[in-house]
PDB file of N, CA and C in Angstrom:
ATOM      1  N   MET A   1       1.095  -1.140  -0.157  1.00  0.00           N
ATOM      2  CA  MET A   1       0.258   0.305  -0.131  1.00  0.00           C
ATOM      3  C   MET A   1       0.826   1.011  -0.195  1.00  0.00           C
ATOM      4  N   LYS A   2       0.644   2.179  -0.871  1.00  0.00           N
ATOM      5  CA  LYS A   2       1.355   3.359  -0.848  1.00  0.00           C
ATOM      6  C   LYS A   2       0.935   4.149   0.202  1.00  0.00           C
ATOM      7  N   SER A   3       1.988   4.981   0.819  1.00  0.00           N
ATOM      8  CA  SER A   3       1.770   5.797   1.831  1.00  0.00           C
ATOM      9  C   SER A   3       1.176   7.183   1.376  1.00  0.00           C
ATOM     10  N   GLU A   4      -0.006   7.830   1.946  1.00  0.00           N
ATOM     11  CA  GLU A   4      -1.081   8.624   1.487  1.00  0.00           C
ATOM     12  C   GLU A   4      -0.046   9.909   1.842  1.00  0.00           C
ATOM     13  N   LYS A   5       0.383  11.246   0.861  1.00  0.00           N
ATOM     14  CA  LYS A   5       1.265  12.247   1.429  1.00  0.00           C
ATOM     15  C   LYS A   5      -0.297  13.207   1.146  1.00  0.00           C
ATOM     16  N   THR A   6       0.163  14.255   2.278  1.00  0.00           N
ATOM     17  CA  THR A   6      -1.092  15.051   2.475  1.00  0.00           C
ATOM     18  C   THR A   6       0.194  16.380   3.131  1.00  0.00           C
ATOM     19  N   ARG A   7      -1.126  17.317   3.338  1.00  0.00           N
ATOM     20  CA  ARG A   7      -0.630  18.587   4.072  1.00  0.00           C
ATOM     21  C   ARG A   7      -1.537  18.962   5.113  1.00  0.00           C
ATOM     22  N   CYS A   8      -0.835  19.699   6.328  1.00  0.00           N
ATOM     23  CA  CYS A   8      -2.077  19.958   7.080  1.00  0.00           C
ATOM     24  C   CYS A   8      -1.606  21.436   7.317  1.00  0.00           C
ATOM     25  N   HIS A   9      -2.608  22.042   8.055  1.00  0.00           N
ATOM     26  CA  HIS A   9      -2.572  23.678   8.590  1.00  0.00           C
ATOM     27  C   HIS A   9      -2.872  23.538   9.800  1.00  0.00           C
ATOM     28  N   VAL A  10      -1.987  23.591  10.976  1.00  0.00           N
ATOM     29  CA  VAL A  10      -2.418  23.972  12.511  1.00  0.00           C
ATOM     30  C   VAL A  10      -2.245  25.202  13.345  1.00  0.00           C
ATOM     31  N   LEU A  11      -3.130  25.658  13.786  1.00  0.00           N
ATOM     32  CA  LEU A  11      -3.107  26.690  14.891  1.00  0.00           C
ATOM     33  C   LEU A  11      -3.404  25.861  16.413  1.00  0.00           C
ATOM     34  N   VAL A  12      -2.097  26.255  17.418  1.00  0.00           N
ATOM     35  CA  VAL A  12      -2.219  25.992  18.561  1.00  0.00           C
ATOM     36  C   VAL A  12      -2.384  27.135  19.191  1.00  0.00           C
ATOM     37  N   SER A  13      -3.104  27.191  20.424  1.00  0.00           N
ATOM     38  CA  SER A  13      -3.539  28.810  20.969  1.00  0.00           C
ATOM     39  C   SER A  13      -3.235  27.945  22.510  1.00  0.00           C
ATOM     40  N   GLY A  14      -2.780  28.995  23.331  1.00  0.00           N
ATOM     41  CA  GLY A  14      -2.793  28.611  25.003  1.00  0.00           C
ATOM     42  C   GLY A  14      -1.733  29.549  25.317  1.00  0.00           C
ATOM     43  N   ARG A  15      -0.994  28.616  26.255  1.00  0.00           N
ATOM     44  CA  ARG A  15       0.493  28.995  26.854  1.00  0.00           C
ATOM     45  C   ARG A  15       1.609  28.569  25.934  1.00  0.00           C
ATOM     46  N   VAL A  16       1.718  28.867  24.350  1.00  0.00           N
ATOM     47  CA  VAL A  16       2.527  28.145  23.580  1.00  0.00           C
ATOM     48  C   VAL A  16       3.735  28.742  23.093  1.00  0.00           C
ATOM     49  N   GLN A  17       3.743  30.288  23.710  1.00  0.00           N
ATOM     50  CA  GLN A  17       4.919  30.996  22.988  1.00  0.00           C
ATOM     51  C   GLN A  17       5.880  31.203  24.443  1.00  0.00           C
ATOM     52  N   GLY A  18       7.326  30.838  23.836  1.00  0.00           N
ATOM     53  CA  GLY A  18       8.505  31.252  25.296  1.00  0.00           C
ATOM     54  C   GLY A  18       8.586  29.943  25.845  1.00  0.00           C
ATOM     55  N   VAL A  19       8.154  28.749  25.333  1.00  0.00           N
ATOM     56  CA  VAL A  19       8.068  27.583  25.824  1.00  0.00           C
ATOM     57  C   VAL A  19       8.934  26.690  24.944  1.00  0.00           C
ATOM     58  N   PHE A  20       9.585  27.386  23.710  1.00  0.00           N
ATOM     59  CA  PHE A  20      10.439  25.846  23.080  1.00  0.00           C
ATOM     60  C   PHE A  20       9.372  25.065  22.322  1.00  0.00           C
ATOM     61  N   PHE A  21       8.062  26.158  22.086  1.00  0.00           N
ATOM     62  CA  PHE A  21       7.301  24.919  21.219  1.00  0.00           C
ATOM     63  C   PHE A  21       7.479  24.647  19.635  1.00  0.00           C
ATOM     64  N   ARG A  22       8.314  26.128  19.345  1.00  0.00           N
ATOM     65  CA  ARG A  22       8.837  25.493  18.294  1.00  0.00           C
ATOM     66  C   ARG A  22       9.594  25.003  17.664  1.00  0.00           C
ATOM     67  N   GLN A  23      10.560  25.194  18.849  1.00  0.00           N
ATOM     68  CA  GLN A  23      12.172  24.226  18.646  1.00  0.00           C
ATOM     69  C   GLN A  23      11.688  22.806  18.637  1.00  0.00           C
ATOM     70  N   ASN A  24      10.729  22.461  19.606  1.00  0.00           N
ATOM     71  CA  ASN A  24      10.271  20.814  19.698  1.00  0.00           C
ATOM     72  C   ASN A  24       9.570  20.595  18.687  1.00  0.00           C
ATOM     73  N   THR A  25       8.603  21.529  18.146  1.00  0.00           N
ATOM     74  CA  THR A  25       8.007  21.079  16.988  1.00  0.00           C
ATOM     75  C   THR A  25       8.964  20.690  15.949  1.00  0.00           C
ATOM     76  N   LEU A  26      10.044  21.770  15.698  1.00  0.00           N
ATOM     77  CA  LEU A  26      10.900  21.164  14.588  1.00  0.00           C
ATOM     78  C   LEU A  26      11.631  19.751  14.640  1.00  0.00           C
ATOM     79  N   GLU A  27      12.044  20.168  16.239  1.00  0.00           N
ATOM     80  CA  GLU A  27      12.942  18.566  16.334  1.00  0.00           C
ATOM     81  C   GLU A  27      11.966  17.440  15.872  1.00  0.00           C
ATOM     82  N   ARG A  28      10.766  17.345  16.253  1.00  0.00           N
ATOM     83  CA  ARG A  28       9.552  16.339  16.346  1.00  0.00           C
ATOM     84  C   ARG A  28       9.514  16.083  14.621  1.00  0.00           C
ATOM     85  N   ALA A  29       9.465  17.111  13.694  1.00  0.00           N
ATOM     86  CA  ALA A  29       9.216  17.207  12.418  1.00  0.00           C
ATOM     87  C   ALA A  29       9.959  16.577  11.841  1.00  0.00           C
ATOM     88  N   LYS A  30      11.209  17.093  12.105  1.00  0.00           N
ATOM     89  CA  LYS A  30      12.301  16.556  11.454  1.00  0.00           C
ATOM     90  C   LYS A  30      12.888  14.816  11.450  1.00  0.00           C
ATOM     91  N   ALA A  31      12.222  14.560  12.902  1.00  0.00           N
ATOM     92  CA  ALA A  31      12.637  13.043  13.101  1.00  0.00           C
ATOM     93  C   ALA A  31      11.586  12.315  12.213  1.00  0.00           C
ATOM     94  N   LEU A  32      10.468  12.974  12.284  1.00  0.00           N
ATOM     95  CA  LEU A  32       9.332  12.058  11.378  1.00  0.00           C
ATOM     96  C   LEU A  32       9.171  12.223  10.063  1.00  0.00           C
ATOM     97  N   GLY A  33      10.169  12.859   9.468  1.00  0.00           N
ATOM     98  CA  GLY A  33      10.848  13.081   8.206  1.00  0.00           C
ATOM     99  C   GLY A  33       9.412  14.162   7.277  1.00  0.00           C
ATOM    100  N   LEU A  34       8.875  14.828   8.412  1.00  0.00           N
ATOM    101  CA  LEU A  34       8.030  15.973   7.832  1.00  0.00           C
ATOM    102  C   LEU A  34       8.700  17.213   7.016  1.00  0.00           C
ATOM    103  N   LYS A  35       8.090  17.754   6.101  1.00  0.00           N
ATOM    104  CA  LYS A  35       8.316  18.903   5.660  1.00  0.00           C
ATOM    105  C   LYS A  35       7.695  20.425   6.032  1.00  0.00           C
ATOM    106  N   GLY A  36       8.123  21.489   6.097  1.00  0.00           N
ATOM    107  CA  GLY A  36       7.044  22.267   6.167  1.00  0.00           C
ATOM    108  C   GLY A  36       7.396  23.496   7.160  1.00  0.00           C
ATOM    109  N   TRP A  37       6.628  24.438   8.050  1.00  0.00           N
ATOM    110  CA  TRP A  37       7.430  25.223   8.819  1.00  0.00           C
ATOM    111  C   TRP A  37       6.506  25.456   9.827  1.00  0.00           C
ATOM    112  N   VAL A  38       7.048  26.133  10.678  1.00  0.00           N
ATOM    113  CA  VAL A  38       6.632  26.366  12.168  1.00  0.00           C
ATOM    114  C   VAL A  38       6.807  27.846  12.690  1.00  0.00           C
ATOM    115  N   ARG A  39       5.960  28.978  13.030  1.00  0.00           N
ATOM    116  CA  ARG A  39       6.052  30.015  13.439  1.00  0.00           C
ATOM    117  C   ARG A  39       5.308  30.428  14.887  1.00  0.00           C
ATOM    118  N   ASN A  40       5.703  31.764  15.585  1.00  0.00           N
ATOM    119  CA  ASN A  40       4.843  32.684  16.221  1.00  0.00           C
ATOM    120  C   ASN A  40       3.970  33.319  15.571  1.00  0.00           C
ATOM    121  N   THR A  41       2.472  33.449  15.861  1.00  0.00           N
ATOM    122  CA  THR A  41       1.740  34.157  15.442  1.00  0.00           C
ATOM    123  C   THR A  41       1.920  35.761  16.271  1.00  0.00           C
ATOM    124  N   GLU A  42       1.372  36.991  15.364  1.00  0.00           N
ATOM    125  CA  GLU A  42       1.296  38.015  16.586  1.00  0.00           C
ATOM    126  C   GLU A  42       0.410  38.031  17.725  1.00  0.00           C
ATOM    127  N   ASP A  43      -0.679  37.003  17.379  1.00  0.00           N
ATOM    128  CA  ASP A  43      -1.857  37.110  18.436  1.00  0.00           C
ATOM    129  C   ASP A  43      -1.560  36.300  19.623  1.00  0.00           C
ATOM    130  N   GLY A  44      -0.245  35.581  18.982  1.00  0.00           N
ATOM    131  CA  GLY A  44       0.005  34.541  20.586  1.00  0.00           C
ATOM    132  C   GLY A  44       0.252  32.914  20.401  1.00  0.00           C
ATOM    133  N   LYS A  45      -0.344  32.768  19.095  1.00  0.00           N
ATOM    134  CA  LYS A  45      -0.509  31.186  18.593  1.00  0.00           C
ATOM    135  C   LYS A  45       0.295  30.786  18.177  1.00  0.00           C
ATOM    136  N   VAL A  46       0.788  29.759  18.167  1.00  0.00           N
ATOM    137  CA  VAL A  46       2.017  28.681  17.110  1.00  0.00           C
ATOM    138  C   VAL A  46       0.920  28.512  15.817  1.00  0.00           C
ATOM    139  N   GLU A  47       1.496  28.856  14.748  1.00  0.00           N
ATOM    140  CA  GLU A  47       1.007  28.382  13.622  1.00  0.00           C
ATOM    141  C   GLU A  47       1.696  27.552  12.580  1.00  0.00           C
ATOM    142  N   ALA A  48       1.517  26.264  12.151  1.00  0.00           N
ATOM    143  CA  ALA A  48       2.539  25.146  11.575  1.00  0.00           C
ATOM    144  C   ALA A  48       1.603  24.868  10.341  1.00  0.00           C
ATOM    145  N   VAL A  49       2.713  24.250   9.188  1.00  0.00           N
ATOM    146  CA  VAL A  49       2.374  23.494   8.105  1.00  0.00           C
ATOM    147  C   VAL A  49       3.028  22.344   7.763  1.00  0.00           C
ATOM    148  N   PHE A  50       2.491  21.183   7.860  1.00  0.00           N
ATOM    149  CA  PHE A  50       3.199  20.091   7.651  1.00  0.00           C
ATOM    150  C   PHE A  50       3.004  19.442   6.417  1.00  0.00           C
ATOM    151  N   GLU A  51       3.768  18.668   6.036  1.00  0.00           N
ATOM    152  CA  GLU A  51       3.830  18.161   4.425  1.00  0.00           C
ATOM    153  C   GLU A  51       4.446  16.385   4.918  1.00  0.00           C
ATOM    154  N   GLY A  52       3.344  15.554   4.293  1.00  0.00           N
ATOM    155  CA  GLY A  52       4.338  14.066   4.801  1.00  0.00           C
ATOM    156  C   GLY A  52       3.228  13.076   4.579  1.00  0.00           C
ATOM    157  N   GLU A  53       3.725  12.027   5.153  1.00  0.00           N
ATOM    158  CA  GLU A  53       2.666  11.034   5.553  1.00  0.00           C
ATOM    159  C   GLU A  53       1.505  11.233   6.598  1.00  0.00           C
ATOM    160  N   ARG A  54       0.162  11.365   5.945  1.00  0.00           N
ATOM    161  CA  ARG A  54      -0.713  10.944   7.126  1.00  0.00           C
ATOM    162  C   ARG A  54      -0.311  10.958   8.652  1.00  0.00           C
ATOM    163  N   GLU A  55      -0.056   9.447   8.606  1.00  0.00           N
ATOM    164  CA  GLU A  55      -0.164   8.957   9.999  1.00  0.00           C
ATOM    165  C   GLU A  55       1.064   9.674  10.486  1.00  0.00           C
ATOM    166  N   LYS A  56       2.171  10.305   9.882  1.00  0.00           N
ATOM    167  CA  LYS A  56       3.338  10.752  10.707  1.00  0.00           C
ATOM    168  C   LYS A  56       3.004  12.390  11.285  1.00  0.00           C
ATOM    169  N   ILE A  57       1.891  12.798  10.092  1.00  0.00           N
ATOM    170  CA  ILE A  57       1.529  14.167  10.408  1.00  0.00           C
ATOM    171  C   ILE A  57       0.535  14.039  11.835  1.00  0.00           C
ATOM    172  N   LYS A  58      -0.206  12.623  12.246  1.00  0.00           N
ATOM    173  CA  LYS A  58      -1.254  12.757  12.996  1.00  0.00           C
ATOM    174  C   LYS A  58      -0.431  12.195  14.284  1.00  0.00           C
ATOM    175  N   LYS A  59       0.856  11.756  14.193  1.00  0.00           N
ATOM    176  CA  LYS A  59       1.716  11.815  15.341  1.00  0.00           C
ATOM    177  C   LYS A  59       2.307  13.131  16.166  1.00  0.00           C
ATOM    178  N   ILE A  60       2.577  13.748  14.796  1.00  0.00           N
ATOM    179  CA  ILE A  60       2.913  15.221  15.612  1.00  0.00           C
ATOM    180  C   ILE A  60       1.522  15.890  16.195  1.00  0.00           C
ATOM    181  N   LEU A  61       0.468  15.921  15.352  1.00  0.00           N
ATOM    182  CA  LEU A  61      -0.861  16.805  16.172  1.00  0.00           C
ATOM    183  C   LEU A  61      -1.049  16.054  17.181  1.00  0.00           C
ATOM    184  N   GLU A  62      -0.701  14.512  17.682  1.00  0.00           N
ATOM    185  CA  GLU A  62      -1.376  13.875  18.729  1.00  0.00           C
ATOM    186  C   GLU A  62      -0.089  14.894  19.958  1.00  0.00           C
ATOM    187  N   TRP A  63       1.245  15.081  19.748  1.00  0.00           N
ATOM    188  CA  TRP A  63       1.652  15.796  20.540  1.00  0.00           C
ATOM    189  C   TRP A  63       1.601  17.129  20.653  1.00  0.00           C
ATOM    190  N   MET A  64       1.378  17.880  19.652  1.00  0.00           N
ATOM    191  CA  MET A  64       0.959  19.368  19.553  1.00  0.00           C
ATOM    192  C   MET A  64      -0.282  19.719  20.510  1.00  0.00           C
ATOM    193  N   ARG A  65      -0.804  18.262  20.841  1.00  0.00           N
ATOM    194  CA  ARG A  65      -2.217  18.637  21.666  1.00  0.00           C
ATOM    195  C   ARG A  65      -1.679  19.110  23.092  1.00  0.00           C
ATOM    196  N   ILE A  66      -0.532  18.533  23.594  1.00  0.00           N
ATOM    197  CA  ILE A  66       0.137  18.453  24.673  1.00  0.00           C
ATOM    198  C   ILE A  66       1.165  19.247  24.740  1.00  0.00           C
ATOM    199  N   GLY A  67       2.031  19.574  23.741  1.00  0.00           N
ATOM    200  CA  GLY A  67       3.118  20.206  23.891  1.00  0.00           C
ATOM    201  C   GLY A  67       4.487  19.772  24.889  1.00  0.00           C
ATOM    202  N   PRO A  68       5.494  20.675  24.676  1.00  0.00           N
ATOM    203  CA  PRO A  68       6.603  20.492  25.466  1.00  0.00           C
ATOM    204  C   PRO A  68       5.827  20.934  26.771  1.00  0.00           C
ATOM    205  N   PRO A  69       7.001  20.369  27.822  1.00  0.00           N
ATOM    206  CA  PRO A  69       6.499  20.562  29.417  1.00  0.00           C
ATOM    207  C   PRO A  69       6.087  21.610  29.918  1.00  0.00           C
ATOM    208  N   MET A  70       6.518  22.859  29.644  1.00  0.00           N
ATOM    209  CA  MET A  70       6.313  24.253  29.932  1.00  0.00           C
ATOM    210  C   MET A  70       4.761  24.974  29.251  1.00  0.00           C
ATOM    211  N   ALA A  71       4.210  24.521  28.144  1.00  0.00           N
ATOM    212  CA  ALA A  71       3.163  24.380  27.274  1.00  0.00           C
ATOM    213  C   ALA A  71       1.832  24.637  28.066  1.00  0.00           C
ATOM    214  N   LYS A  72       0.923  25.387  27.584  1.00  0.00           N
ATOM    215  CA  LYS A  72      -0.449  24.821  27.695  1.00  0.00           C
ATOM    216  C   LYS A  72      -1.147  24.853  26.887  1.00  0.00           C
ATOM    217  N   VAL A  73      -1.295  24.094  26.287  1.00  0.00           N
ATOM    218  CA  VAL A  73      -2.341  24.119  25.046  1.00  0.00           C
ATOM    219  C   VAL A  73      -3.940  24.279  25.211  1.00  0.00           C
ATOM    220  N   GLU A  74      -4.493  25.273  24.970  1.00  0.00           N
ATOM    221  CA  GLU A  74      -6.171  25.402  25.220  1.00  0.00           C
ATOM    222  C   GLU A  74      -6.966  24.867  23.932  1.00  0.00           C
ATOM    223  N   ASN A  75      -6.077  24.726  22.866  1.00  0.00           N
ATOM    224  CA  ASN A  75      -7.109  24.708  21.444  1.00  0.00           C
ATOM    225  C   ASN A  75      -5.982  24.337  20.513  1.00  0.00           C
ATOM    226  N   LEU A  76      -6.410  23.354  19.871  1.00  0.00           N
ATOM    227  CA  LEU A  76      -5.655  22.789  18.479  1.00  0.00           C
ATOM    228  C   LEU A  76      -6.245  22.944  17.250  1.00  0.00           C
ATOM    229  N   LYS A  77      -6.750  23.559  16.227  1.00  0.00           N
ATOM    230  CA  LYS A  77      -7.153  23.277  15.181  1.00  0.00           C
ATOM    231  C   LYS A  77      -6.108  22.913  14.156  1.00  0.00           C
ATOM    232  N   PHE A  78      -6.576  22.036  12.921  1.00  0.00           N
ATOM    233  CA  PHE A  78      -6.163  21.869  12.072  1.00  0.00           C
ATOM    234  C   PHE A  78      -6.924  21.692  10.811  1.00  0.00           C
ATOM    235  N   LYS A  79      -6.150  21.848   9.790  1.00  0.00           N
ATOM    236  CA  LYS A  79      -7.146  21.177   8.454  1.00  0.00           C
ATOM    237  C   LYS A  79      -6.476  20.635   7.480  1.00  0.00           C
ATOM    238  N   TRP A  80      -6.873  19.547   7.166  1.00  0.00           N
ATOM    239  CA  TRP A  80      -6.253  19.075   5.811  1.00  0.00           C
ATOM    240  C   TRP A  80      -6.155  19.647   4.551  1.00  0.00           C
ATOM    241  N   GLU A  81      -5.261  19.730   4.116  1.00  0.00           N
ATOM    242  CA  GLU A  81      -5.139  20.684   2.534  1.00  0.00           C
ATOM    243  C   GLU A  81      -4.853  19.387   1.607  1.00  0.00           C
ATOM    244  N   ASP A  82      -4.565  19.808   0.478  1.00  0.00           N
ATOM    245  CA  ASP A  82      -3.978  18.838  -0.242  1.00  0.00           C
ATOM    246  C   ASP A  82      -2.634  18.928  -0.379  1.00  0.00           C
ATOM    247  N   PHE A  83      -1.815  17.883  -0.874  1.00  0.00           N
ATOM    248  CA  PHE A  83      -0.410  17.680  -0.502  1.00  0.00           C
ATOM    249  C   PHE A  83       0.462  18.913  -1.936  1.00  0.00           C
ATOM    250  N   LYS A  84       1.098  19.831  -1.637  1.00  0.00           N
ATOM    251  CA  LYS A  84       2.054  20.432  -2.617  1.00  0.00           C
ATOM    252  C   LYS A  84       3.383  19.838  -3.138  1.00  0.00           C
ATOM    253  N   GLY A  85       3.658  19.463  -1.961  1.00  0.00           N
ATOM    254  CA  GLY A  85       5.571  18.926  -2.319  1.00  0.00           C
ATOM    255  C   GLY A  85       6.208  20.092  -2.520  1.00  0.00           C
ATOM    256  N   GLU A  86       5.949  21.700  -2.078  1.00  0.00           N
ATOM    257  CA  GLU A  86       6.665  22.875  -2.265  1.00  0.00           C
ATOM    258  C   GLU A  86       7.660  23.180  -0.779  1.00  0.00           C
ATOM    259  N   PHE A  87       8.568  22.089   0.075  1.00  0.00           N
ATOM    260  CA  PHE A  87       9.024  22.368   1.038  1.00  0.00           C
ATOM    261  C   PHE A  87      10.301  21.650   0.373  1.00  0.00           C
ATOM    262  N   GLU A  88      11.539  21.578   1.125  1.00  0.00           N
ATOM    263  CA  GLU A  88      12.555  20.950   1.193  1.00  0.00           C
ATOM    264  C   GLU A  88      13.076  20.361   2.211  1.00  0.00           C
ATOM    265  N   ASP A  89      12.522  21.077   3.356  1.00  0.00           N
ATOM    266  CA  ASP A  89      12.730  20.934   4.564  1.00  0.00           C
ATOM    267  C   ASP A  89      11.754  21.547   5.703  1.00  0.00           C
ATOM    268  N   PHE A  90      12.371  21.175   6.984  1.00  0.00           N
ATOM    269  CA  PHE A  90      11.202  21.969   8.205  1.00  0.00           C
ATOM    270  C   PHE A  90      11.947  22.556   8.878  1.00  0.00           C
ATOM    271  N   GLU A  91      11.137  24.100   8.604  1.00  0.00           N
ATOM    272  CA  GLU A  91      12.117  25.170   9.257  1.00  0.00           C
ATOM    273  C   GLU A  91      11.582  26.278  10.515  1.00  0.00           C
ATOM    274  N   ILE A  92      11.852  26.700  11.234  1.00  0.00           N
ATOM    275  CA  ILE A  92      11.360  27.868  12.129  1.00  0.00           C
ATOM    276  C   ILE A  92      11.339  29.233  11.187  1.00  0.00           C
ATOM    277  N   ARG A  93       9.739  29.710  11.147  1.00  0.00           N
ATOM    278  CA  ARG A  93       9.932  31.105  10.239  1.00  0.00           C
ATOM    279  C   ARG A  93       9.918  32.121  11.521  1.00  0.00           C
ATOM    280  N   TYR A  94      10.603  33.416  10.831  1.00  0.00           N
ATOM    281  CA  TYR A  94      10.279  34.255  11.929  1.00  0.00           C
ATOM    282  C   TYR A  94       9.799  35.459  11.002  1.00  0.00           C
ATOM    283  N   ASP A  95       8.491  35.193  10.633  1.00  0.00           N
ATOM    284  CA  ASP A  95       7.958  36.711   9.649  1.00  0.00           C
ATOM    285  C   ASP A  95       7.003  36.916  10.336  1.00  0.00           C
TER     286      ASP A  95
END
């Protein structure tokens, strides 16, 4: 069975900035072989886009519901999208 490649756009709210959420997301995404990016938003959330195998994205979503030790995730919204294959790697964005 061919593994299904997909894309997922994620928004995490709560105490998710200043708790190494982006760095932890980066390390986990790379370990899972996912591509995309993660960044802080101006309104205090963490936003991410993942591309890769659906099962691996599901794994990182499970982790993001809890986050790193100092985080307090209140809400996790995500939307499955069509795979685009536009990323070379996974990175933290500062825009």
